[in-house]
Amino acid sequence: MEVRAQDIVDTVDLGKSEVFLPLYESIVNSIISLLRTGRKDGRIDVFIERENVEDKEPDLFDRKVPPIKSIEIVDNGEGFTEENFISFNAPYTKLNKKYGCKGFGRFTMLAMFSSIQVVSIYKEGNKWFRREFVFDGTKELVYNNVDELAANEERELQTKVKLVDCNNDVLKAYTAKNAEEIAKGVKNHCFIYYLCGQLPTINIVENTDDGPKSLDVDNYFKLEQKDKEKEIKVREETFKLYIVKSPKESNRKYNYVYFCANSRTVGGKRDLSKVDQLFLFPILENGDSVFLDIYVVSDYLDAHINNSRTSFKIPDSIGDMGGDFDAEISMEEILIKIAEELAGLYESFVQETKKKTIQEARTYIETEAPQYRSFLLRQDVLNRMPPHLSAEKKEEFFHREAVMADRKLEEKINAFIAQKDINDEQIEQMVQDMREIRGRFFDPFLIKGLKYPVRNKSH
């Protein structure tokens, strides 16, 4: 049965946060091409072409820029040899499986662009060739021309891949990002290669009023500082964490987790504070505020990525499993384990945050909520209060704790009253239990149903 390229393209469901995935996929292909050569002077240049602008060409850092029209990616990797071309032209190829490639990337590109134009100079055996071809979703392989280079022609490995005419009317507006934002996206997507020391030089190039200007993506990688590497276990699966510290920036708010598969980040970043409010703000170490970026790598994630590499075939939350604990590990389970590991790794920060949280809880009770004063001596309750709660959320927390305490107290009272024979020792123990639940401010005479007045020996 023949499957048309357009049929596969139509199955690619990109979201607005994934509009640059075709670029990222092409850059990853270039990185793999360079890895196959083993060369140390690898280089990738990304040329941005935007929709026509009436006033002026955008600068690299302009906040308001036109959408993308076309993108050209140039590298000095292995190129489209006959073997690589056959692999490119066959969906779900296994040629570069060890690099995480599934032969699906070009369909992602065609989900945003009308065609892919390629010019590649490469060497096979002792001969040099130039291959030119065009691939699109309707005609598929438009043409494929291969010429052997003459002895007097320039012979330098170079491959140009041009993603031509962004034609996704739904998502095109979301490509209006400046070169700096594009560079940061490349950094996030390719960060595992940087951590493993496999990243070549990458430049983003834009035409400006003063001619072409280049932005070195490596500058954004250098801002990151790999702090730690750790392994965690979720059930029987192992996950490796690359923990990176970034200096606090004015427009950043959270600590993020990036799930990776096949040496690239997949899907959007996850806010760690969603599972533990301890990480709602930057980590404070030695007086400096830093944010954490945690990159997660695992064979389990590699095995559960979807074909288009845009998401994982894994339940998002524990609730999605419907009580079936033999089901797939959920993303929420992994995030909870990551938060627990980080709490141990950054213990001084955790202790300081906990100390501050308890003091805030005491102040809130003493100044705004005296009805909860019995909790001032309930260290277990104070320890349970999450950090960084608003006054409204503090009220919700203590109200919930009070309801639970009253329920527990009622159960004990009912059990106490149901006893047939009650002695002074049991009464004294009951009072002690009451005070442990409700604190020293609890007056046992106020409990309905107690038949025996109790002398308060502590006063």
Protein backbone atom coordinates (compact mmCIF):
# COMPACT_ATOMS: atom_id res chain seq x y z
CA MET A 1 0.00 0.00 0.00
CA GLU A 2 1.43 3.37 -1.05
CA VAL A 3 1.38 6.20 1.51
CA ARG A 4 1.57 9.73 0.11
CA ALA A 5 3.82 12.25 1.85
CA GLN A 6 0.90 14.66 2.22
CA ASP A 7 -1.06 11.99 4.12
CA ILE A 8 1.77 11.81 6.66
CA VAL A 9 2.12 15.61 6.79
CA ASP A 10 -1.59 15.88 7.60
CA THR A 11 -1.05 13.76 10.72
CA VAL A 12 1.49 16.25 12.13
CA ASP A 13 -0.34 18.34 14.73
CA LEU A 14 1.85 21.28 15.71
CA GLY A 15 0.86 23.78 18.40
CA LYS A 16 1.72 27.47 18.58
CA SER A 17 4.67 26.71 20.88
CA GLU A 18 6.08 24.30 18.24
CA VAL A 19 6.25 26.58 15.19
CA PHE A 20 10.06 26.42 15.18
CA LEU A 21 10.19 22.64 15.51
CA PRO A 22 10.95 22.31 11.74
CA LEU A 23 14.01 24.53 12.28
CA TYR A 24 15.08 22.58 15.35
CA GLU A 25 14.69 19.28 13.50
CA SER A 26 16.81 20.56 10.63
CA ILE A 27 19.52 21.77 13.03
CA VAL A 28 19.52 18.38 14.77
CA ASN A 29 19.91 16.71 11.36
CA SER A 30 22.93 18.95 10.75
CA ILE A 31 24.39 18.07 14.15
CA ILE A 32 24.03 14.36 13.37
CA SER A 33 25.61 14.90 9.95
CA LEU A 34 28.57 16.52 11.69
CA LEU A 35 28.77 13.76 14.30
CA ARG A 36 29.03 11.19 11.50
CA THR A 37 32.10 12.98 10.12
CA GLY A 38 33.76 13.33 13.52
CA ARG A 39 35.11 16.74 12.54
CA LYS A 40 35.94 19.27 15.27
CA ASP A 41 35.28 22.42 13.23
CA GLY A 42 31.57 21.78 12.74
CA ARG A 43 29.48 24.84 11.92
CA ILE A 44 25.80 25.53 11.34
CA ASP A 45 24.49 28.86 10.02
CA VAL A 46 20.77 29.66 10.08
CA PHE A 47 19.64 32.39 7.66
CA ILE A 48 16.29 33.99 8.49
CA GLU A 49 14.14 35.47 5.73
CA ARG A 50 11.03 37.35 6.83
CA GLU A 51 7.90 38.60 5.17
CA ASN A 52 8.32 41.97 3.42
CA VAL A 53 8.49 44.93 5.74
CA GLU A 54 7.74 48.46 4.57
CA ASP A 55 9.69 50.53 7.06
CA LYS A 56 12.98 48.69 7.60
CA GLU A 57 14.67 45.38 8.00
CA PRO A 58 14.50 44.07 11.59
CA ASP A 59 17.44 44.18 13.95
CA LEU A 60 18.56 41.03 15.77
CA PHE A 61 16.90 42.15 19.00
CA ASP A 62 13.78 43.97 17.73
CA ARG A 63 10.77 43.03 19.82
CA LYS A 64 8.34 43.53 16.94
CA VAL A 65 9.35 41.63 13.84
CA PRO A 66 7.48 40.20 10.82
CA PRO A 67 6.68 36.48 10.60
CA ILE A 68 9.11 34.06 8.99
CA LYS A 69 8.94 33.50 5.24
CA SER A 70 11.79 31.03 4.70
CA ILE A 71 14.76 29.63 6.63
CA GLU A 72 18.02 28.27 5.25
CA ILE A 73 20.24 26.00 7.32
CA VAL A 74 23.84 25.56 6.14
CA ASP A 75 26.30 23.05 7.63
CA ASN A 76 29.65 21.47 6.76
CA GLY A 77 28.63 17.94 7.69
CA GLU A 78 28.63 14.67 5.76
CA GLY A 79 25.96 15.75 3.30
CA PHE A 80 23.38 13.89 1.23
CA THR A 81 25.38 10.89 0.13
CA GLU A 82 23.47 8.23 -1.75
CA GLU A 83 22.82 6.33 1.48
CA ASN A 84 21.66 9.45 3.32
CA PHE A 85 19.45 10.52 0.42
CA ILE A 86 17.72 7.13 0.27
CA SER A 87 17.19 7.38 4.02
CA PHE A 88 15.76 10.91 3.68
CA ASN A 89 13.36 9.73 0.99
CA ALA A 90 12.01 6.81 3.09
CA PRO A 91 9.70 7.41 6.07
CA TYR A 92 10.50 5.67 9.36
CA THR A 93 14.03 4.87 8.26
CA LYS A 94 16.41 3.21 10.74
CA LEU A 95 19.69 4.54 9.28
CA ASN A 96 20.26 7.10 12.05
CA LYS A 97 18.28 5.28 14.71
CA LYS A 98 21.19 5.44 17.16
CA TYR A 99 20.99 9.25 16.92
CA GLY A 100 17.26 9.21 17.64
CA CYS A 101 16.15 9.80 14.04
CA LYS A 102 12.96 8.19 12.74
CA GLY A 103 12.88 9.61 9.22
CA PHE A 104 9.90 11.74 10.20
CA GLY A 105 11.48 15.18 10.55
CA ARG A 106 10.87 16.32 6.97
CA PHE A 107 7.12 15.83 7.41
CA THR A 108 7.25 18.16 10.40
CA MET A 109 9.00 20.70 8.16
CA LEU A 110 6.28 20.37 5.50
CA ALA A 111 3.63 20.96 8.15
CA MET A 112 4.88 24.58 8.25
CA PHE A 113 6.59 25.15 4.87
CA SER A 114 5.57 24.50 1.27
CA SER A 115 8.78 22.73 0.24
CA ILE A 116 12.32 21.72 1.19
CA GLN A 117 15.11 22.71 -1.22
CA VAL A 118 18.49 21.03 -0.78
CA VAL A 119 21.91 21.63 -2.30
CA SER A 120 24.62 19.34 -0.96
CA ILE A 121 28.32 18.97 -1.82
CA TYR A 122 29.67 15.70 -0.51
CA LYS A 123 32.32 13.07 -1.04
CA GLU A 124 31.85 9.36 -1.75
CA GLY A 125 34.94 7.26 -2.12
CA ASN A 126 37.47 9.45 -3.93
CA LYS A 127 34.87 11.43 -5.85
CA TRP A 128 33.05 14.68 -5.10
CA PHE A 129 29.40 15.32 -6.00
CA ARG A 130 26.78 18.05 -5.92
CA ARG A 131 23.24 16.89 -5.27
CA GLU A 132 20.23 19.19 -5.72
CA PHE A 133 16.65 18.16 -4.99
CA VAL A 134 13.29 19.54 -3.91
CA PHE A 135 10.79 17.75 -1.71
CA ASP A 136 7.19 18.79 -1.04
CA GLY A 137 4.01 17.26 0.27
CA THR A 138 2.10 17.00 -2.99
CA LYS A 139 4.68 16.13 -5.63
CA GLU A 140 6.97 14.61 -3.00
CA LEU A 141 10.39 14.31 -4.70
CA VAL A 142 10.10 17.04 -7.32
CA TYR A 143 13.49 16.36 -8.85
CA ASN A 144 16.87 14.92 -7.89
CA ASN A 145 19.97 15.95 -9.79
CA VAL A 146 23.46 14.61 -9.03
CA ASP A 147 26.62 15.85 -10.77
CA GLU A 148 30.19 14.77 -10.23
CA LEU A 149 32.42 17.77 -9.57
CA ALA A 150 35.25 18.49 -11.96
CA ALA A 151 38.80 18.63 -10.66
CA ASN A 152 38.87 22.45 -10.85
CA GLU A 153 35.60 22.97 -8.93
CA GLU A 154 35.50 23.94 -5.27
CA ARG A 155 35.46 20.88 -3.05
CA GLU A 156 34.31 21.62 0.48
CA LEU A 157 31.65 19.77 2.41
CA GLN A 158 28.55 21.94 2.53
CA THR A 159 24.83 21.28 2.70
CA LYS A 160 22.11 23.93 2.35
CA VAL A 161 18.59 23.03 3.42
CA LYS A 162 16.01 25.72 2.71
CA LEU A 163 12.55 25.60 4.23
CA VAL A 164 10.61 27.59 1.65
CA ASP A 165 7.49 29.74 2.12
CA CYS A 166 5.87 29.28 5.49
CA ASN A 167 2.32 28.41 4.47
CA ASN A 168 0.65 27.35 7.71
CA ASP A 169 -1.95 30.10 7.95
CA VAL A 170 -2.99 29.07 11.46
CA LEU A 171 0.49 29.16 12.99
CA LYS A 172 2.43 31.58 10.81
CA ALA A 173 1.82 34.60 13.06
CA TYR A 174 3.57 32.79 15.92
CA THR A 175 6.86 32.73 13.98
CA ALA A 176 7.24 36.50 14.57
CA LYS A 177 10.19 36.02 16.93
CA ASN A 178 13.46 37.93 16.80
CA ALA A 179 16.87 36.32 16.39
CA GLU A 180 17.53 36.31 20.12
CA GLU A 181 14.31 34.42 20.86
CA ILE A 182 15.08 31.95 18.06
CA ALA A 183 18.60 31.44 19.48
CA LYS A 184 17.18 30.71 22.94
CA GLY A 185 14.78 28.19 21.41
CA VAL A 186 17.66 26.44 19.65
CA LYS A 187 19.55 26.40 22.94
CA ASN A 188 16.67 24.75 24.79
CA HIS A 189 16.02 22.18 22.07
CA CYS A 190 19.67 21.18 21.58
CA PHE A 191 20.87 21.53 25.16
CA ILE A 192 21.61 17.84 25.64
CA TYR A 193 24.19 18.01 22.83
CA TYR A 194 25.84 20.90 24.69
CA LEU A 195 25.88 19.00 27.97
CA CYS A 196 27.47 16.02 26.19
CA GLY A 197 30.12 18.18 24.46
CA GLN A 198 28.76 17.45 20.96
CA LEU A 199 27.49 20.88 19.96
CA PRO A 200 29.04 22.62 16.92
CA THR A 201 29.13 26.39 16.37
CA ILE A 202 25.63 27.67 15.55
CA ASN A 203 24.84 31.16 14.26
CA ILE A 204 21.53 32.91 13.56
CA VAL A 205 21.90 35.37 10.65
CA GLU A 206 19.51 38.21 9.75
CA ASN A 207 19.65 40.94 7.13
CA THR A 208 19.58 44.40 8.72
CA ASP A 209 19.94 47.98 7.46
CA ASP A 210 23.69 47.60 7.95
CA GLY A 211 23.90 44.28 6.13
CA PRO A 212 23.84 40.70 7.47
CA LYS A 213 24.36 40.36 11.21
CA SER A 214 25.08 37.16 13.10
CA LEU A 215 24.10 36.00 16.57
CA ASP A 216 26.23 33.26 18.14
CA VAL A 217 23.94 30.76 19.85
CA ASP A 218 26.91 29.54 21.91
CA ASN A 219 26.71 32.77 23.95
CA TYR A 220 23.37 31.60 25.32
CA PHE A 221 24.72 28.17 26.20
CA LYS A 222 27.59 29.81 28.11
CA LEU A 223 25.08 31.61 30.33
CA GLU A 224 24.07 28.22 31.66
CA GLN A 225 26.09 26.49 34.33
CA LYS A 226 25.78 22.75 34.71
CA ASP A 227 25.55 22.31 38.46
CA LYS A 228 24.87 18.64 39.08
CA GLU A 229 24.05 15.30 37.49
CA LYS A 230 21.87 12.84 39.38
CA GLU A 231 19.90 9.68 38.76
CA ILE A 232 16.47 8.98 40.21
CA LYS A 233 14.25 5.92 40.22
CA VAL A 234 10.54 6.06 39.45
CA ARG A 235 9.21 2.59 40.10
CA GLU A 236 11.74 0.43 38.25
CA GLU A 237 12.77 3.03 35.66
CA THR A 238 15.93 5.14 35.84
CA PHE A 239 15.94 8.83 34.88
CA LYS A 240 19.08 10.93 34.62
CA LEU A 241 18.87 14.60 35.60
CA TYR A 242 21.14 17.29 34.19
CA ILE A 243 20.69 20.23 36.56
CA VAL A 244 21.64 23.64 35.22
CA LYS A 245 21.73 26.94 37.10
CA SER A 246 20.82 30.14 35.28
CA PRO A 247 21.25 33.67 36.66
CA LYS A 248 18.00 35.34 37.66
CA GLU A 249 16.54 37.38 34.79
CA SER A 250 13.90 40.05 35.22
CA ASN A 251 11.38 38.35 32.94
CA ARG A 252 11.79 34.83 34.29
CA LYS A 253 9.52 33.48 37.02
CA TYR A 254 9.89 29.73 37.49
CA ASN A 255 12.19 26.71 37.71
CA TYR A 256 11.65 24.45 34.73
CA VAL A 257 11.88 20.78 33.82
CA TYR A 258 12.58 19.72 30.23
CA PHE A 259 11.82 16.14 29.24
CA CYS A 260 14.17 14.82 26.55
CA ALA A 261 14.15 11.91 24.13
CA ASN A 262 16.68 10.98 21.46
CA SER A 263 19.04 13.81 22.51
CA ARG A 264 16.49 16.62 22.14
CA THR A 265 13.87 18.29 24.29
CA VAL A 266 10.29 17.25 23.61
CA GLY A 267 7.17 19.30 24.26
CA GLY A 268 6.96 22.38 26.41
CA LYS A 269 8.86 23.11 29.59
CA ARG A 270 7.21 22.12 32.89
CA ASP A 271 6.89 24.49 35.85
CA LEU A 272 8.24 22.56 38.84
CA SER A 273 6.22 24.64 41.32
CA LYS A 274 3.06 22.97 40.00
CA VAL A 275 4.01 19.88 42.00
CA ASP A 276 5.96 21.58 44.82
CA GLN A 277 5.52 25.25 45.71
CA LEU A 278 8.95 25.19 47.30
CA PHE A 279 10.22 25.92 43.78
CA LEU A 280 7.88 28.83 43.06
CA PHE A 281 10.79 31.31 43.25
CA PRO A 282 14.52 31.28 42.42
CA ILE A 283 16.91 29.19 44.47
CA LEU A 284 18.95 31.34 46.86
CA GLU A 285 22.54 30.16 47.27
CA ASN A 286 25.26 32.17 48.99
CA GLY A 287 23.23 35.31 48.54
CA ASP A 288 22.72 34.78 44.80
CA SER A 289 19.36 34.06 43.17
CA VAL A 290 19.44 31.41 40.46
CA PHE A 291 16.85 29.46 38.53
CA LEU A 292 17.12 25.73 37.87
CA ASP A 293 16.62 24.05 34.52
CA ILE A 294 16.41 20.29 34.83
CA TYR A 295 16.88 18.19 31.69
CA VAL A 296 15.55 14.65 32.06
CA VAL A 297 16.94 11.78 29.98
CA SER A 298 15.82 8.15 30.09
CA ASP A 299 15.46 5.04 27.97
CA TYR A 300 11.86 5.08 29.16
CA LEU A 301 11.29 8.51 27.58
CA ASP A 302 13.03 7.40 24.36
CA ALA A 303 10.65 4.45 24.11
CA HIS A 304 7.52 6.53 24.70
CA ILE A 305 7.96 9.46 22.32
CA ASN A 306 5.40 9.92 19.54
CA ASN A 307 6.42 9.67 15.87
CA SER A 308 6.53 13.43 15.29
CA ARG A 309 8.62 13.92 18.46
CA THR A 310 6.25 16.59 19.77
CA SER A 311 5.04 14.80 22.91
CA PHE A 312 5.18 11.58 24.91
CA LYS A 313 2.74 8.70 24.97
CA ILE A 314 2.64 8.91 28.76
CA PRO A 315 -0.24 9.92 31.08
CA ASP A 316 0.15 13.53 32.20
CA SER A 317 -1.08 13.10 35.77
CA ILE A 318 -1.66 10.36 38.31
CA GLY A 319 -5.40 10.98 38.01
CA ASP A 320 -5.27 10.13 34.31
CA MET A 321 -4.45 6.52 35.18
CA GLY A 322 -7.90 5.93 36.67
CA GLY A 323 -6.55 4.15 39.73
CA ASP A 324 -4.58 1.66 37.63
CA PHE A 325 -1.16 1.76 39.31
CA ASP A 326 0.19 -0.83 36.88
CA ALA A 327 -0.31 1.66 34.05
CA GLU A 328 2.44 3.74 32.48
CA ILE A 329 4.42 6.04 34.74
CA SER A 330 2.84 9.49 34.64
CA MET A 331 4.71 12.73 34.04
CA GLU A 332 3.43 13.94 37.41
CA GLU A 333 5.10 10.99 39.18
CA ILE A 334 8.42 11.85 37.57
CA LEU A 335 8.07 15.55 38.48
CA ILE A 336 7.29 14.68 42.12
CA LYS A 337 10.42 12.52 42.33
CA ILE A 338 12.48 15.30 40.76
CA ALA A 339 11.18 17.80 43.33
CA GLU A 340 12.05 15.40 46.16
CA GLU A 341 15.57 14.92 44.80
CA LEU A 342 16.14 18.66 44.43
CA ALA A 343 14.91 19.30 47.96
CA GLY A 344 17.73 17.05 49.16
CA LEU A 345 20.35 18.49 46.82
CA TYR A 346 19.61 22.10 47.80
CA GLU A 347 19.02 21.40 51.48
CA SER A 348 20.21 24.78 52.79
CA PHE A 349 17.73 26.57 50.52
CA VAL A 350 14.96 24.20 51.58
CA GLN A 351 15.68 24.70 55.27
CA GLU A 352 15.76 28.48 54.95
CA THR A 353 12.51 28.46 52.95
CA LYS A 354 10.85 26.17 55.49
CA LYS A 355 11.98 28.39 58.36
CA LYS A 356 10.58 31.46 56.61
CA THR A 357 7.33 29.65 55.82
CA ILE A 358 6.78 28.63 59.45
CA GLN A 359 7.43 32.18 60.62
CA GLU A 360 4.93 33.49 58.07
CA ALA A 361 2.38 30.94 59.33
CA ARG A 362 2.85 32.08 62.93
CA THR A 363 2.56 35.75 61.97
CA TYR A 364 -0.57 35.08 59.96
CA ILE A 365 -2.27 33.28 62.88
CA GLU A 366 -1.23 35.89 65.44
CA THR A 367 -2.26 38.92 63.37
CA GLU A 368 -5.04 37.75 61.05
CA ALA A 369 -6.46 34.39 62.12
CA PRO A 370 -6.51 33.93 65.93
CA GLN A 371 -9.16 31.22 65.52
CA TYR A 372 -6.31 28.93 64.52
CA ARG A 373 -4.07 29.76 67.52
CA SER A 374 -4.22 26.14 68.66
CA PHE A 375 -1.92 25.35 65.72
CA LEU A 376 0.88 27.56 67.03
CA LEU A 377 2.18 24.58 69.02
CA ARG A 378 1.34 22.05 66.31
CA GLN A 379 4.75 21.84 64.65
CA ASP A 380 3.52 19.09 62.35
CA VAL A 381 0.83 21.40 60.95
CA LEU A 382 3.25 24.32 60.55
CA ASN A 383 5.69 22.02 58.74
CA ARG A 384 2.98 20.92 56.33
CA MET A 385 2.07 24.40 55.15
CA PRO A 386 3.39 24.94 51.61
CA PRO A 387 5.62 27.96 51.05
CA HIS A 388 4.67 31.15 49.21
CA LEU A 389 0.94 31.03 49.99
CA SER A 390 -1.25 34.12 49.75
CA ALA A 391 -3.40 35.08 52.77
CA GLU A 392 -6.38 33.49 51.06
CA LYS A 393 -4.49 30.24 50.50
CA LYS A 394 -3.24 30.27 54.10
CA GLU A 395 -6.85 30.51 55.28
CA GLU A 396 -7.79 27.57 53.05
CA PHE A 397 -4.89 25.53 54.42
CA PHE A 398 -5.60 26.14 58.11
CA HIS A 399 -9.34 25.69 57.64
CA ARG A 400 -8.70 22.32 56.04
CA GLU A 401 -6.35 21.36 58.88
CA ALA A 402 -8.94 22.47 61.47
CA VAL A 403 -11.66 20.37 59.84
CA MET A 404 -9.37 17.35 59.82
CA ALA A 405 -8.38 17.95 63.47
CA ASP A 406 -12.01 18.28 64.56
CA ARG A 407 -12.90 15.09 62.74
CA LYS A 408 -10.07 13.23 64.41
CA LEU A 409 -11.00 14.70 67.78
CA GLU A 410 -14.65 13.72 67.38
CA GLU A 411 -13.64 10.15 66.64
CA LYS A 412 -11.55 9.98 69.81
CA ILE A 413 -14.31 11.53 71.94
CA ASN A 414 -16.90 9.10 70.63
CA ALA A 415 -14.59 6.19 71.35
CA PHE A 416 -13.88 7.58 74.84
CA ILE A 417 -17.56 8.03 75.69
CA ALA A 418 -18.38 4.55 74.44
CA GLN A 419 -16.16 3.01 77.10
CA LYS A 420 -18.02 1.43 79.99
CA ASP A 421 -15.37 1.90 82.67
CA ILE A 422 -13.32 5.09 82.76
CA ASN A 423 -10.57 5.78 85.29
CA ASP A 424 -8.48 8.87 86.05
CA GLU A 425 -5.56 7.60 83.98
CA GLN A 426 -7.78 7.21 80.88
CA ILE A 427 -9.27 10.65 81.42
CA GLU A 428 -5.83 12.20 81.72
CA GLN A 429 -4.73 10.40 78.53
CA MET A 430 -7.84 11.67 76.73
CA VAL A 431 -7.04 15.25 77.71
CA GLN A 432 -3.48 14.79 76.52
CA ASP A 433 -4.73 13.43 73.17
CA MET A 434 -7.06 16.40 72.83
CA ARG A 435 -4.28 18.85 73.45
CA GLU A 436 -2.02 17.09 70.93
CA ILE A 437 -4.74 17.48 68.31
CA ARG A 438 -5.98 20.94 69.23
CA GLY A 439 -3.06 22.44 71.15
CA ARG A 440 -2.71 23.77 74.72
CA PHE A 441 -5.49 26.35 74.17
CA PHE A 442 -8.04 23.56 74.06
CA ASP A 443 -10.51 23.54 77.01
CA PRO A 444 -11.75 19.99 77.62
CA PHE A 445 -14.88 21.28 79.45
CA LEU A 446 -16.12 22.65 76.11
CA ILE A 447 -16.36 19.24 74.51
CA LYS A 448 -19.96 18.11 74.38
CA GLY A 449 -20.57 14.64 75.71
CA LEU A 450 -17.80 14.54 78.31
CA LYS A 451 -19.48 13.41 81.52
CA TYR A 452 -16.54 13.91 83.82
CA PRO A 453 -14.97 17.26 84.79
CA VAL A 454 -11.23 17.07 84.50
CA ARG A 455 -8.78 18.96 86.68
CA ASN A 456 -6.29 20.81 84.53
CA LYS A 457 -3.02 19.85 86.21
CA SER A 458 -0.94 22.05 83.93
CA HIS A 459 -2.26 25.28 85.58
